[in-house]
PDB file of N, CA and C in Angstrom:
ATOM      1  N   MET A   1     -48.610  63.457 -97.918  1.00  0.00           N
ATOM      2  CA  MET A   1     -48.722  62.163 -98.450  1.00  0.00           C
ATOM      3  C   MET A   1     -48.365  61.145 -97.387  1.00  0.00           C
ATOM      4  N   GLN A   2     -49.004  60.091 -97.467  1.00  0.00           N
ATOM      5  CA  GLN A   2     -48.743  59.030 -96.486  1.00  0.00           C
ATOM      6  C   GLN A   2     -47.546  58.224 -96.953  1.00  0.00           C
ATOM      7  N   ALA A   3     -46.398  58.475 -96.374  1.00  0.00           N
ATOM      8  CA  ALA A   3     -45.172  57.698 -96.666  1.00  0.00           C
ATOM      9  C   ALA A   3     -44.838  57.656 -98.146  1.00  0.00           C
ATOM     10  N   GLY A   4     -45.346  58.607 -98.916  1.00  0.00           N
ATOM     11  CA  GLY A   4     -45.033  58.673-100.342  1.00  0.00           C
ATOM     12  C   GLY A   4     -45.583  57.479-101.167  1.00  0.00           C
ATOM     13  N   SER A   5     -46.575  56.731-100.619  1.00  0.00           N
ATOM     14  CA  SER A   5     -47.095  55.606-101.323  1.00  0.00           C
ATOM     15  C   SER A   5     -48.273  55.997-102.174  1.00  0.00           C
ATOM     16  N   PRO A   6     -48.315  55.488-103.397  1.00  0.00           N
ATOM     17  CA  PRO A   6     -49.476  55.742-104.240  1.00  0.00           C
ATOM     18  C   PRO A   6     -50.652  54.892-103.814  1.00  0.00           C
ATOM     19  N   SER A   7     -51.826  55.473-103.986  1.00  0.00           N
ATOM     20  CA  SER A   7     -53.036  54.608-103.768  1.00  0.00           C
ATOM     21  C   SER A   7     -53.326  53.865-105.032  1.00  0.00           C
ATOM     22  N   THR A   8     -54.304  53.018-104.941  1.00  0.00           N
ATOM     23  CA  THR A   8     -54.682  52.218-106.111  1.00  0.00           C
ATOM     24  C   THR A   8     -55.299  53.129-107.151  1.00  0.00           C
ATOM     25  N   PRO A   9     -54.827  53.107-108.394  1.00  0.00           N
ATOM     26  CA  PRO A   9     -55.377  53.937-109.451  1.00  0.00           C
ATOM     27  C   PRO A   9     -56.839  53.559-109.667  1.00  0.00           C
ATOM     28  N   ALA A  10     -57.644  54.536-110.094  1.00  0.00           N
ATOM     29  CA  ALA A  10     -59.032  54.248-110.421  1.00  0.00           C
ATOM     30  C   ALA A  10     -59.082  53.292-111.606  1.00  0.00           C
ATOM     31  N   GLN A  11     -60.095  52.504-111.655  1.00  0.00           N
ATOM     32  CA  GLN A  11     -60.244  51.544-112.726  1.00  0.00           C
ATOM     33  C   GLN A  11     -60.469  52.266-114.078  1.00  0.00           C
ATOM     34  N   ARG A  12     -59.726  51.918-115.096  1.00  0.00           N
ATOM     35  CA  ARG A  12     -59.874  52.443-116.456  1.00  0.00           C
ATOM     36  C   ARG A  12     -60.057  51.298-117.394  1.00  0.00           C
ATOM     37  N   THR A  13     -60.691  51.584-118.532  1.00  0.00           N
ATOM     38  CA  THR A  13     -60.887  50.499-119.499  1.00  0.00           C
ATOM     39  C   THR A  13     -59.677  50.261-120.306  1.00  0.00           C
ATOM     40  N   GLU A  14     -58.887  51.334-120.625  1.00  0.00           N
ATOM     41  CA  GLU A  14     -57.653  51.120-121.354  1.00  0.00           C
ATOM     42  C   GLU A  14     -56.418  51.086-120.417  1.00  0.00           C
ATOM     43  N   PRO A  15     -55.303  50.430-120.818  1.00  0.00           N
ATOM     44  CA  PRO A  15     -54.147  50.360-119.971  1.00  0.00           C
ATOM     45  C   PRO A  15     -53.559  51.773-119.721  1.00  0.00           C
ATOM     46  N   THR A  16     -52.976  51.937-118.554  1.00  0.00           N
ATOM     47  CA  THR A  16     -52.357  53.236-118.229  1.00  0.00           C
ATOM     48  C   THR A  16     -50.931  52.969-117.762  1.00  0.00           C
ATOM     49  N   LEU A  17     -50.140  53.986-117.884  1.00  0.00           N
ATOM     50  CA  LEU A  17     -48.750  53.945-117.354  1.00  0.00           C
ATOM     51  C   LEU A  17     -48.711  54.674-116.072  1.00  0.00           C
ATOM     52  N   LEU A  18     -47.942  54.177-115.091  1.00  0.00           N
ATOM     53  CA  LEU A  18     -47.686  54.872-113.827  1.00  0.00           C
ATOM     54  C   LEU A  18     -46.426  55.615-114.028  1.00  0.00           C
ATOM     55  N   PRO A  19     -46.485  56.971-114.054  1.00  0.00           N
ATOM     56  CA  PRO A  19     -45.263  57.741-114.224  1.00  0.00           C
ATOM     57  C   PRO A  19     -44.384  57.587-113.003  1.00  0.00           C
ATOM     58  N   PRO A  20     -43.033  57.499-113.218  1.00  0.00           N
ATOM     59  CA  PRO A  20     -42.144  57.442-112.014  1.00  0.00           C
ATOM     60  C   PRO A  20     -42.175  58.792-111.327  1.00  0.00           C
ATOM     61  N   VAL A  21     -42.064  58.765-110.030  1.00  0.00           N
ATOM     62  CA  VAL A  21     -42.071  60.007-109.251  1.00  0.00           C
ATOM     63  C   VAL A  21     -40.973  60.019-108.237  1.00  0.00           C
ATOM     64  N   ASP A  22     -40.534  61.240-107.876  1.00  0.00           N
ATOM     65  CA  ASP A  22     -39.664  61.479-106.691  1.00  0.00           C
ATOM     66  C   ASP A  22     -40.448  62.428-105.790  1.00  0.00           C
ATOM     67  N   ILE A  23     -40.412  62.128-104.499  1.00  0.00           N
ATOM     68  CA  ILE A  23     -41.119  62.956-103.517  1.00  0.00           C
ATOM     69  C   ILE A  23     -40.146  63.366-102.455  1.00  0.00           C
ATOM     70  N   VAL A  24     -40.096  64.696-102.203  1.00  0.00           N
ATOM     71  CA  VAL A  24     -39.160  65.247-101.231  1.00  0.00           C
ATOM     72  C   VAL A  24     -39.976  66.097-100.269  1.00  0.00           C
ATOM     73  N   GLU A  25     -39.707  65.879 -98.944  1.00  0.00           N
ATOM     74  CA  GLU A  25     -40.368  66.645 -97.957  1.00  0.00           C
ATOM     75  C   GLU A  25     -39.386  67.597 -97.220  1.00  0.00           C
ATOM     76  N   ASP A  26     -39.820  68.817 -96.966  1.00  0.00           N
ATOM     77  CA  ASP A  26     -39.077  69.751 -96.126  1.00  0.00           C
ATOM     78  C   ASP A  26     -40.007  70.297 -95.066  1.00  0.00           C
ATOM     79  N   ALA A  27     -39.505  71.278 -94.275  1.00  0.00           N
ATOM     80  CA  ALA A  27     -40.315  71.759 -93.147  1.00  0.00           C
ATOM     81  C   ALA A  27     -41.598  72.487 -93.626  1.00  0.00           C
ATOM     82  N   SER A  28     -41.630  72.982 -94.857  1.00  0.00           N
ATOM     83  CA  SER A  28     -42.763  73.740 -95.301  1.00  0.00           C
ATOM     84  C   SER A  28     -43.764  73.031 -96.249  1.00  0.00           C
ATOM     85  N   GLY A  29     -43.341  71.792 -96.639  1.00  0.00           N
ATOM     86  CA  GLY A  29     -44.289  71.022 -97.519  1.00  0.00           C
ATOM     87  C   GLY A  29     -43.593  69.906 -98.264  1.00  0.00           C
ATOM     88  N   ILE A  30     -44.266  69.441 -99.312  1.00  0.00           N
ATOM     89  CA  ILE A  30     -43.771  68.340-100.115  1.00  0.00           C
ATOM     90  C   ILE A  30     -43.655  68.752-101.587  1.00  0.00           C
ATOM     91  N   THR A  31     -42.612  68.266-102.199  1.00  0.00           N
ATOM     92  CA  THR A  31     -42.424  68.500-103.637  1.00  0.00           C
ATOM     93  C   THR A  31     -42.476  67.168-104.349  1.00  0.00           C
ATOM     94  N   LEU A  32     -43.326  67.031-105.344  1.00  0.00           N
ATOM     95  CA  LEU A  32     -43.455  65.829-106.088  1.00  0.00           C
ATOM     96  C   LEU A  32     -43.037  66.083-107.529  1.00  0.00           C
ATOM     97  N   MET A  33     -42.123  65.275-108.034  1.00  0.00           N
ATOM     98  CA  MET A  33     -41.660  65.409-109.444  1.00  0.00           C
ATOM     99  C   MET A  33     -42.003  64.100-110.185  1.00  0.00           C
ATOM    100  N   ALA A  34     -42.786  64.228-111.253  1.00  0.00           N
ATOM    101  CA  ALA A  34     -43.250  63.074-112.043  1.00  0.00           C
ATOM    102  C   ALA A  34     -42.730  63.245-113.419  1.00  0.00           C
ATOM    103  N   ASP A  35     -42.196  62.112-114.006  1.00  0.00           N
ATOM    104  CA  ASP A  35     -41.719  62.087-115.371  1.00  0.00           C
ATOM    105  C   ASP A  35     -42.913  61.779-116.316  1.00  0.00           C
ATOM    106  N   LEU A  36     -43.217  62.769-117.162  1.00  0.00           N
ATOM    107  CA  LEU A  36     -44.305  62.650-118.082  1.00  0.00           C
ATOM    108  C   LEU A  36     -43.899  63.000-119.519  1.00  0.00           C
ATOM    109  N   PRO A  37     -42.966  62.240-120.097  1.00  0.00           N
ATOM    110  CA  PRO A  37     -42.520  62.584-121.480  1.00  0.00           C
ATOM    111  C   PRO A  37     -43.694  62.451-122.447  1.00  0.00           C
ATOM    112  N   GLY A  38     -43.763  63.324-123.399  1.00  0.00           N
ATOM    113  CA  GLY A  38     -44.774  63.294-124.403  1.00  0.00           C
ATOM    114  C   GLY A  38     -46.120  63.941-123.983  1.00  0.00           C
ATOM    115  N   VAL A  39     -46.116  64.595-122.820  1.00  0.00           N
ATOM    116  CA  VAL A  39     -47.388  65.230-122.335  1.00  0.00           C
ATOM    117  C   VAL A  39     -47.301  66.742-122.614  1.00  0.00           C
ATOM    118  N   GLU A  40     -48.402  67.268-123.158  1.00  0.00           N
ATOM    119  CA  GLU A  40     -48.476  68.715-123.363  1.00  0.00           C
ATOM    120  C   GLU A  40     -49.175  69.331-122.165  1.00  0.00           C
ATOM    121  N   GLN A  41     -48.832  70.602-121.853  1.00  0.00           N
ATOM    122  CA  GLN A  41     -49.403  71.308-120.724  1.00  0.00           C
ATOM    123  C   GLN A  41     -50.954  71.310-120.811  1.00  0.00           C
ATOM    124  N   ASN A  42     -51.494  71.579-121.990  1.00  0.00           N
ATOM    125  CA  ASN A  42     -52.915  71.701-122.094  1.00  0.00           C
ATOM    126  C   ASN A  42     -53.707  70.348-121.925  1.00  0.00           C
ATOM    127  N   ASP A  43     -53.018  69.265-122.084  1.00  0.00           N
ATOM    128  CA  ASP A  43     -53.633  67.897-121.963  1.00  0.00           C
ATOM    129  C   ASP A  43     -53.514  67.399-120.476  1.00  0.00           C
ATOM    130  N   LEU A  44     -52.701  68.029-119.671  1.00  0.00           N
ATOM    131  CA  LEU A  44     -52.459  67.528-118.339  1.00  0.00           C
ATOM    132  C   LEU A  44     -53.593  67.916-117.354  1.00  0.00           C
ATOM    133  N   SER A  45     -54.022  66.940-116.567  1.00  0.00           N
ATOM    134  CA  SER A  45     -55.085  67.122-115.605  1.00  0.00           C
ATOM    135  C   SER A  45     -54.563  66.746-114.232  1.00  0.00           C
ATOM    136  N   ILE A  46     -54.620  67.704-113.269  1.00  0.00           N
ATOM    137  CA  ILE A  46     -54.221  67.459-111.938  1.00  0.00           C
ATOM    138  C   ILE A  46     -55.399  67.818-111.011  1.00  0.00           C
ATOM    139  N   SER A  47     -55.865  66.877-110.209  1.00  0.00           N
ATOM    140  CA  SER A  47     -57.009  67.171-109.380  1.00  0.00           C
ATOM    141  C   SER A  47     -56.814  66.602-107.962  1.00  0.00           C
ATOM    142  N   VAL A  48     -57.521  67.302-107.038  1.00  0.00           N
ATOM    143  CA  VAL A  48     -57.560  66.843-105.665  1.00  0.00           C
ATOM    144  C   VAL A  48     -59.047  66.629-105.319  1.00  0.00           C
ATOM    145  N   ASP A  49     -59.383  65.400-104.956  1.00  0.00           N
ATOM    146  CA  ASP A  49     -60.690  65.055-104.509  1.00  0.00           C
ATOM    147  C   ASP A  49     -60.635  64.532-103.120  1.00  0.00           C
ATOM    148  N   GLY A  50     -61.141  65.310-102.183  1.00  0.00           N
ATOM    149  CA  GLY A  50     -60.968  64.910-100.752  1.00  0.00           C
ATOM    150  C   GLY A  50     -59.474  64.907-100.447  1.00  0.00           C
ATOM    151  N   ARG A  51     -58.895  63.819-100.148  1.00  0.00           N
ATOM    152  CA  ARG A  51     -57.480  63.714 -99.804  1.00  0.00           C
ATOM    153  C   ARG A  51     -56.743  62.933-100.910  1.00  0.00           C
ATOM    154  N   THR A  52     -57.320  62.743-102.046  1.00  0.00           N
ATOM    155  CA  THR A  52     -56.668  62.005-103.175  1.00  0.00           C
ATOM    156  C   THR A  52     -56.216  62.993-104.276  1.00  0.00           C
ATOM    157  N   LEU A  53     -54.927  62.953-104.537  1.00  0.00           N
ATOM    158  CA  LEU A  53     -54.341  63.778-105.607  1.00  0.00           C
ATOM    159  C   LEU A  53     -54.212  62.860-106.848  1.00  0.00           C
ATOM    160  N   THR A  54     -54.686  63.319-108.013  1.00  0.00           N
ATOM    161  CA  THR A  54     -54.598  62.493-109.191  1.00  0.00           C
ATOM    162  C   THR A  54     -53.936  63.244-110.331  1.00  0.00           C
ATOM    163  N   ILE A  55     -52.976  62.602-110.999  1.00  0.00           N
ATOM    164  CA  ILE A  55     -52.335  63.130-112.176  1.00  0.00           C
ATOM    165  C   ILE A  55     -52.803  62.288-113.375  1.00  0.00           C
ATOM    166  N   ASP A  56     -53.298  62.942-114.405  1.00  0.00           N
ATOM    167  CA  ASP A  56     -53.957  62.211-115.526  1.00  0.00           C
ATOM    168  C   ASP A  56     -53.551  62.968-116.802  1.00  0.00           C
ATOM    169  N   ALA A  57     -53.063  62.207-117.833  1.00  0.00           N
ATOM    170  CA  ALA A  57     -52.650  62.862-119.065  1.00  0.00           C
ATOM    171  C   ALA A  57     -52.552  61.809-120.133  1.00  0.00           C
ATOM    172  N   PRO A  58     -52.941  62.176-121.409  1.00  0.00           N
ATOM    173  CA  PRO A  58     -52.699  61.266-122.533  1.00  0.00           C
ATOM    174  C   PRO A  58     -51.271  61.293-122.932  1.00  0.00           C
ATOM    175  N   LEU A  59     -50.767  60.179-123.386  1.00  0.00           N
ATOM    176  CA  LEU A  59     -49.384  60.085-123.875  1.00  0.00           C
ATOM    177  C   LEU A  59     -49.421  60.109-125.382  1.00  0.00           C
ATOM    178  N   ARG A  60     -48.697  61.033-125.948  1.00  0.00           N
ATOM    179  CA  ARG A  60     -48.604  61.173-127.430  1.00  0.00           C
ATOM    180  C   ARG A  60     -47.176  60.975-127.809  1.00  0.00           C
ATOM    181  N   LEU A  61     -46.892  59.831-128.487  1.00  0.00           N
ATOM    182  CA  LEU A  61     -45.535  59.546-128.925  1.00  0.00           C
ATOM    183  C   LEU A  61     -45.219  60.104-130.309  1.00  0.00           C
ATOM    184  N   GLY A  62     -46.139  60.709-130.939  1.00  0.00           N
ATOM    185  CA  GLY A  62     -45.863  61.313-132.274  1.00  0.00           C
ATOM    186  C   GLY A  62     -45.792  60.349-133.402  1.00  0.00           C
ATOM    187  N   GLU A  63     -46.344  59.133-133.228  1.00  0.00           N
ATOM    188  CA  GLU A  63     -46.357  58.145-134.288  1.00  0.00           C
ATOM    189  C   GLU A  63     -47.432  58.496-135.297  1.00  0.00           C
ATOM    190  N   ALA A  64     -47.161  58.329-136.553  1.00  0.00           N
ATOM    191  CA  ALA A  64     -48.161  58.522-137.595  1.00  0.00           C
ATOM    192  C   ALA A  64     -49.252  57.455-137.458  1.00  0.00           C
ATOM    193  N   ASN A  65     -50.479  57.883-137.741  1.00  0.00           N
ATOM    194  CA  ASN A  65     -51.646  56.972-137.617  1.00  0.00           C
ATOM    195  C   ASN A  65     -51.554  55.799-138.629  1.00  0.00           C
ATOM    196  N   THR A  66     -50.806  56.020-139.693  1.00  0.00           N
ATOM    197  CA  THR A  66     -50.758  54.973-140.708  1.00  0.00           C
ATOM    198  C   THR A  66     -49.733  53.867-140.375  1.00  0.00           C
ATOM    199  N   LEU A  67     -48.912  54.092-139.377  1.00  0.00           N
ATOM    200  CA  LEU A  67     -47.892  53.079-139.034  1.00  0.00           C
ATOM    201  C   LEU A  67     -48.465  51.978-138.133  1.00  0.00           C
ATOM    202  N   VAL A  68     -48.056  50.775-138.343  1.00  0.00           N
ATOM    203  CA  VAL A  68     -48.513  49.647-137.492  1.00  0.00           C
ATOM    204  C   VAL A  68     -47.259  49.176-136.762  1.00  0.00           C
ATOM    205  N   SER A  69     -47.331  49.075-135.426  1.00  0.00           N
ATOM    206  CA  SER A  69     -46.224  48.667-134.617  1.00  0.00           C
ATOM    207  C   SER A  69     -45.938  47.174-134.831  1.00  0.00           C
ATOM    208  N   VAL A  70     -44.662  46.856-135.022  1.00  0.00           N
ATOM    209  CA  VAL A  70     -44.244  45.469-135.106  1.00  0.00           C
ATOM    210  C   VAL A  70     -43.832  45.001-133.685  1.00  0.00           C
ATOM    211  N   TYR A  71     -43.291  45.925-132.933  1.00  0.00           N
ATOM    212  CA  TYR A  71     -42.914  45.668-131.557  1.00  0.00           C
ATOM    213  C   TYR A  71     -42.998  46.970-130.788  1.00  0.00           C
ATOM    214  N   ALA A  72     -43.610  46.959-129.594  1.00  0.00           N
ATOM    215  CA  ALA A  72     -43.754  48.134-128.767  1.00  0.00           C
ATOM    216  C   ALA A  72     -43.694  47.775-127.338  1.00  0.00           C
ATOM    217  N   GLU A  73     -42.803  48.450-126.596  1.00  0.00           N
ATOM    218  CA  GLU A  73     -42.720  48.167-125.123  1.00  0.00           C
ATOM    219  C   GLU A  73     -43.791  49.026-124.411  1.00  0.00           C
ATOM    220  N   VAL A  74     -44.115  50.146-124.974  1.00  0.00           N
ATOM    221  CA  VAL A  74     -45.089  50.982-124.369  1.00  0.00           C
ATOM    222  C   VAL A  74     -46.391  50.872-125.208  1.00  0.00           C
ATOM    223  N   ARG A  75     -47.371  50.192-124.634  1.00  0.00           N
ATOM    224  CA  ARG A  75     -48.642  50.014-125.378  1.00  0.00           C
ATOM    225  C   ARG A  75     -49.724  50.888-124.840  1.00  0.00           C
ATOM    226  N   ALA A  76     -49.553  51.383-123.617  1.00  0.00           N
ATOM    227  CA  ALA A  76     -50.547  52.280-122.989  1.00  0.00           C
ATOM    228  C   ALA A  76     -50.406  53.642-123.623  1.00  0.00           C
ATOM    229  N   ASN A  77     -51.509  54.381-123.750  1.00  0.00           N
ATOM    230  CA  ASN A  77     -51.431  55.688-124.286  1.00  0.00           C
ATOM    231  C   ASN A  77     -51.939  56.756-123.281  1.00  0.00           C
ATOM    232  N   HIS A  78     -51.828  56.412-122.019  1.00  0.00           N
ATOM    233  CA  HIS A  78     -52.359  57.314-120.983  1.00  0.00           C
ATOM    234  C   HIS A  78     -51.563  57.169-119.693  1.00  0.00           C
ATOM    235  N   TYR A  79     -51.229  58.317-119.056  1.00  0.00           N
ATOM    236  CA  TYR A  79     -50.595  58.280-117.738  1.00  0.00           C
ATOM    237  C   TYR A  79     -51.699  58.530-116.691  1.00  0.00           C
ATOM    238  N   ARG A  80     -51.623  57.802-115.567  1.00  0.00           N
ATOM    239  CA  ARG A  80     -52.499  58.099-114.461  1.00  0.00           C
ATOM    240  C   ARG A  80     -51.793  57.601-113.190  1.00  0.00           C
ATOM    241  N   ARG A  81     -51.773  58.433-112.156  1.00  0.00           N
ATOM    242  CA  ARG A  81     -51.255  58.085-110.853  1.00  0.00           C
ATOM    243  C   ARG A  81     -51.994  58.865-109.792  1.00  0.00           C
ATOM    244  N   SER A  82     -52.304  58.202-108.683  1.00  0.00           N
ATOM    245  CA  SER A  82     -53.025  58.820-107.592  1.00  0.00           C
ATOM    246  C   SER A  82     -52.257  58.621-106.319  1.00  0.00           C
ATOM    247  N   PHE A  83     -52.394  59.598-105.421  1.00  0.00           N
ATOM    248  CA  PHE A  83     -51.711  59.542-104.133  1.00  0.00           C
ATOM    249  C   PHE A  83     -52.712  59.991-103.023  1.00  0.00           C
ATOM    250  N   GLU A  84     -52.616  59.308-101.981  1.00  0.00           N
ATOM    251  CA  GLU A  84     -53.440  59.688-100.775  1.00  0.00           C
ATOM    252  C   GLU A  84     -52.623  60.706 -99.984  1.00  0.00           C
ATOM    253  N   LEU A  85     -53.211  61.900 -99.758  1.00  0.00           N
ATOM    254  CA  LEU A  85     -52.550  63.007 -99.094  1.00  0.00           C
ATOM    255  C   LEU A  85     -52.765  63.017 -97.635  1.00  0.00           C
ATOM    256  N   SER A  86     -51.782  63.525 -96.903  1.00  0.00           N
ATOM    257  CA  SER A  86     -51.876  63.670 -95.469  1.00  0.00           C
ATOM    258  C   SER A  86     -52.747  64.870 -95.132  1.00  0.00           C
ATOM    259  N   GLY A  87     -53.405  64.855 -94.012  1.00  0.00           N
ATOM    260  CA  GLY A  87     -54.270  65.961 -93.548  1.00  0.00           C
ATOM    261  C   GLY A  87     -53.418  67.207 -93.199  1.00  0.00           C
ATOM    262  N   GLU A  88     -52.081  67.089 -93.212  1.00  0.00           N
ATOM    263  CA  GLU A  88     -51.218  68.223 -92.863  1.00  0.00           C
ATOM    264  C   GLU A  88     -50.951  69.106 -94.041  1.00  0.00           C
ATOM    265  N   LEU A  89     -51.365  68.678 -95.249  1.00  0.00           N
ATOM    266  CA  LEU A  89     -51.097  69.446 -96.468  1.00  0.00           C
ATOM    267  C   LEU A  89     -52.247  70.393 -96.874  1.00  0.00           C
ATOM    268  N   ASP A  90     -51.925  71.546 -97.388  1.00  0.00           N
ATOM    269  CA  ASP A  90     -52.913  72.550 -97.802  1.00  0.00           C
ATOM    270  C   ASP A  90     -53.250  72.271 -99.253  1.00  0.00           C
ATOM    271  N   THR A  91     -54.349  71.565 -99.504  1.00  0.00           N
ATOM    272  CA  THR A  91     -54.708  71.185-100.869  1.00  0.00           C
ATOM    273  C   THR A  91     -55.241  72.303-101.673  1.00  0.00           C
ATOM    274  N   THR A  92     -55.523  73.470-101.044  1.00  0.00           N
ATOM    275  CA  THR A  92     -56.026  74.642-101.793  1.00  0.00           C
ATOM    276  C   THR A  92     -54.879  75.502-102.339  1.00  0.00           C
ATOM    277  N   SER A  93     -53.641  75.183-102.032  1.00  0.00           N
ATOM    278  CA  SER A  93     -52.493  76.030-102.440  1.00  0.00           C
ATOM    279  C   SER A  93     -51.478  75.215-103.198  1.00  0.00           C
ATOM    280  N   VAL A  94     -51.877  74.214-103.962  1.00  0.00           N
ATOM    281  CA  VAL A  94     -50.943  73.398-104.740  1.00  0.00           C
ATOM    282  C   VAL A  94     -50.467  74.183-105.955  1.00  0.00           C
ATOM    283  N   GLU A  95     -49.184  74.121-106.195  1.00  0.00           N
ATOM    284  CA  GLU A  95     -48.606  74.838-107.337  1.00  0.00           C
ATOM    285  C   GLU A  95     -48.030  73.731-108.295  1.00  0.00           C
ATOM    286  N   ALA A  96     -48.225  73.951-109.602  1.00  0.00           N
ATOM    287  CA  ALA A  96     -47.779  72.987-110.576  1.00  0.00           C
ATOM    288  C   ALA A  96     -47.006  73.644-111.708  1.00  0.00           C
ATOM    289  N   ALA A  97     -45.937  72.954-112.203  1.00  0.00           N
ATOM    290  CA  ALA A  97     -45.184  73.419-113.368  1.00  0.00           C
ATOM    291  C   ALA A  97     -44.794  72.208-114.162  1.00  0.00           C
ATOM    292  N   LEU A  98     -44.810  72.366-115.517  1.00  0.00           N
ATOM    293  CA  LEU A  98     -44.378  71.313-116.396  1.00  0.00           C
ATOM    294  C   LEU A  98     -43.286  71.832-117.280  1.00  0.00           C
ATOM    295  N   LYS A  99     -42.067  71.243-117.216  1.00  0.00           N
ATOM    296  CA  LYS A  99     -40.975  71.655-118.048  1.00  0.00           C
ATOM    297  C   LYS A  99     -40.191  70.451-118.502  1.00  0.00           C
ATOM    298  N   ASP A 100     -39.918  70.396-119.786  1.00  0.00           N
ATOM    299  CA  ASP A 100     -39.143  69.272-120.364  1.00  0.00           C
ATOM    300  C   ASP A 100     -39.685  67.865-119.970  1.00  0.00           C
ATOM    301  N   GLY A 101     -40.942  67.744-119.892  1.00  0.00           N
ATOM    302  CA  GLY A 101     -41.527  66.438-119.567  1.00  0.00           C
ATOM    303  C   GLY A 101     -41.532  66.057-118.118  1.00  0.00           C
ATOM    304  N   VAL A 102     -41.142  67.005-117.267  1.00  0.00           N
ATOM    305  CA  VAL A 102     -41.166  66.762-115.801  1.00  0.00           C
ATOM    306  C   VAL A 102     -42.171  67.649-115.135  1.00  0.00           C
ATOM    307  N   LEU A 103     -43.177  67.048-114.496  1.00  0.00           N
ATOM    308  CA  LEU A 103     -44.119  67.795-113.710  1.00  0.00           C
ATOM    309  C   LEU A 103     -43.631  67.981-112.298  1.00  0.00           C
ATOM    310  N   THR A 104     -43.669  69.197-111.846  1.00  0.00           N
ATOM    311  CA  THR A 104     -43.254  69.526-110.436  1.00  0.00           C
ATOM    312  C   THR A 104     -44.444  70.082-109.699  1.00  0.00           C
ATOM    313  N   LEU A 105     -44.899  69.441-108.649  1.00  0.00           N
ATOM    314  CA  LEU A 105     -46.033  69.846-107.822  1.00  0.00           C
ATOM    315  C   LEU A 105     -45.459  70.264-106.461  1.00  0.00           C
ATOM    316  N   ARG A 106     -45.874  71.387-105.971  1.00  0.00           N
ATOM    317  CA  ARG A 106     -45.504  71.878-104.604  1.00  0.00           C
ATOM    318  C   ARG A 106     -46.755  71.834-103.730  1.00  0.00           C
ATOM    319  N   LEU A 107     -46.736  71.048-102.713  1.00  0.00           N
ATOM    320  CA  LEU A 107     -47.892  70.980-101.784  1.00  0.00           C
ATOM    321  C   LEU A 107     -47.433  71.507-100.409  1.00  0.00           C
ATOM    322  N   PRO A 108     -47.837  72.689-100.075  1.00  0.00           N
ATOM    323  CA  PRO A 108     -47.407  73.267 -98.797  1.00  0.00           C
ATOM    324  C   PRO A 108     -48.126  72.663 -97.615  1.00  0.00           C
ATOM    325  N   LYS A 109     -47.475  72.673 -96.467  1.00  0.00           N
ATOM    326  CA  LYS A 109     -48.142  72.240 -95.211  1.00  0.00           C
ATOM    327  C   LYS A 109     -48.974  73.312 -94.715  1.00  0.00           C
ATOM    328  N   LEU A 110     -50.008  72.928 -93.967  1.00  0.00           N
ATOM    329  CA  LEU A 110     -50.895  73.894 -93.279  1.00  0.00           C
ATOM    330  C   LEU A 110     -50.026  74.556 -92.227  1.00  0.00           C
ATOM    331  N   GLU A 111     -50.348  75.820 -91.853  1.00  0.00           N
ATOM    332  CA  GLU A 111     -49.598  76.541 -90.876  1.00  0.00           C
ATOM    333  C   GLU A 111     -49.509  75.731 -89.542  1.00  0.00           C
ATOM    334  N   ARG A 112     -50.603  75.134 -89.171  1.00  0.00           N
ATOM    335  CA  ARG A 112     -50.624  74.379 -87.881  1.00  0.00           C
ATOM    336  C   ARG A 112     -49.697  73.177 -87.952  1.00  0.00           C
ATOM    337  N   ALA A 113     -49.330  72.685 -89.128  1.00  0.00           N
ATOM    338  CA  ALA A 113     -48.488  71.489 -89.242  1.00  0.00           C
ATOM    339  C   ALA A 113     -47.012  71.802 -89.389  1.00  0.00           C
ATOM    340  N   LYS A 114     -46.712  73.086 -89.617  1.00  0.00           N
ATOM    341  CA  LYS A 114     -45.298  73.460 -89.735  1.00  0.00           C
ATOM    342  C   LYS A 114     -44.616  73.487 -88.420  1.00  0.00           C
ATOM    343  N   PRO A 115     -43.320  73.123 -88.428  1.00  0.00           N
ATOM    344  CA  PRO A 115     -42.585  73.188 -87.140  1.00  0.00           C
ATOM    345  C   PRO A 115     -42.460  74.628 -86.671  1.00  0.00           C
ATOM    346  N   ARG A 116     -42.499  74.825 -85.382  1.00  0.00           N
ATOM    347  CA  ARG A 116     -42.368  76.175 -84.857  1.00  0.00           C
ATOM    348  C   ARG A 116     -41.533  76.158 -83.655  1.00  0.00           C
ATOM    349  N   ARG A 117     -40.911  77.259 -83.393  1.00  0.00           N
ATOM    350  CA  ARG A 117     -40.042  77.384 -82.197  1.00  0.00           C
ATOM    351  C   ARG A 117     -40.870  77.883 -81.036  1.00  0.00           C
ATOM    352  N   ILE A 118     -40.634  77.339 -79.899  1.00  0.00           N
ATOM    353  CA  ILE A 118     -41.342  77.719 -78.673  1.00  0.00           C
ATOM    354  C   ILE A 118     -40.294  78.545 -77.831  1.00  0.00           C
ATOM    355  N   GLU A 119     -40.721  79.745 -77.518  1.00  0.00           N
ATOM    356  CA  GLU A 119     -39.913  80.630 -76.736  1.00  0.00           C
ATOM    357  C   GLU A 119     -39.923  80.190 -75.267  1.00  0.00           C
ATOM    358  N   VAL A 120     -38.794  80.116 -74.631  1.00  0.00           N
ATOM    359  CA  VAL A 120     -38.661  79.742 -73.216  1.00  0.00           C
ATOM    360  C   VAL A 120     -38.409  80.983 -72.472  1.00  0.00           C
ATOM    361  N   ARG A 121     -39.285  81.323 -71.455  1.00  0.00           N
ATOM    362  CA  ARG A 121     -39.079  82.496 -70.656  1.00  0.00           C
ATOM    363  C   ARG A 121     -38.477  82.185 -69.314  1.00  0.00           C
ATOM    364  N   THR A 122     -37.771  83.090 -68.755  1.00  0.00           N
ATOM    365  CA  THR A 122     -37.186  82.933 -67.393  1.00  0.00           C
ATOM    366  C   THR A 122     -38.045  83.633 -66.392  1.00  0.00           C
ATOM    367  N   GLY A 123     -37.971  83.177 -65.159  1.00  0.00           N
ATOM    368  CA  GLY A 123     -38.718  83.845 -64.092  1.00  0.00           C
ATOM    369  C   GLY A 123     -40.026  83.068 -63.839  1.00  0.00           C
ATOM    370  N   SER A 124     -40.913  83.716 -63.085  1.00  0.00           N
ATOM    371  CA  SER A 124     -42.148  83.042 -62.642  1.00  0.00           C
ATOM    372  C   SER A 124     -43.329  83.383 -63.470  1.00  0.00           C
TER     373      SER A 124
END
């Protein structure tokens, strides 16, 4: 990912929520954790198109259809967030897990991008 910055989300007709994320990098890759409360595993869509990673999911708050909101801070019913990925990441080996409303994505680095130790030889 480029400095952990999100790219501009694709245009949607309905309002969307940007889920908060934490991004951690180590020598072997990047781990992204996104808060997605109210999202079911079967409804979650994660895609990579070129170098763009997109997280997309409907938000279900469990409200009855017969209720009318008097006041609501969350009016969007959809999560969407996109990130521009670095060319150092292996987009064919992304791993994803959803537990307790937290999505964890593991994006490994390509072998050529991983740090390696260079052996120093003595003599001529």
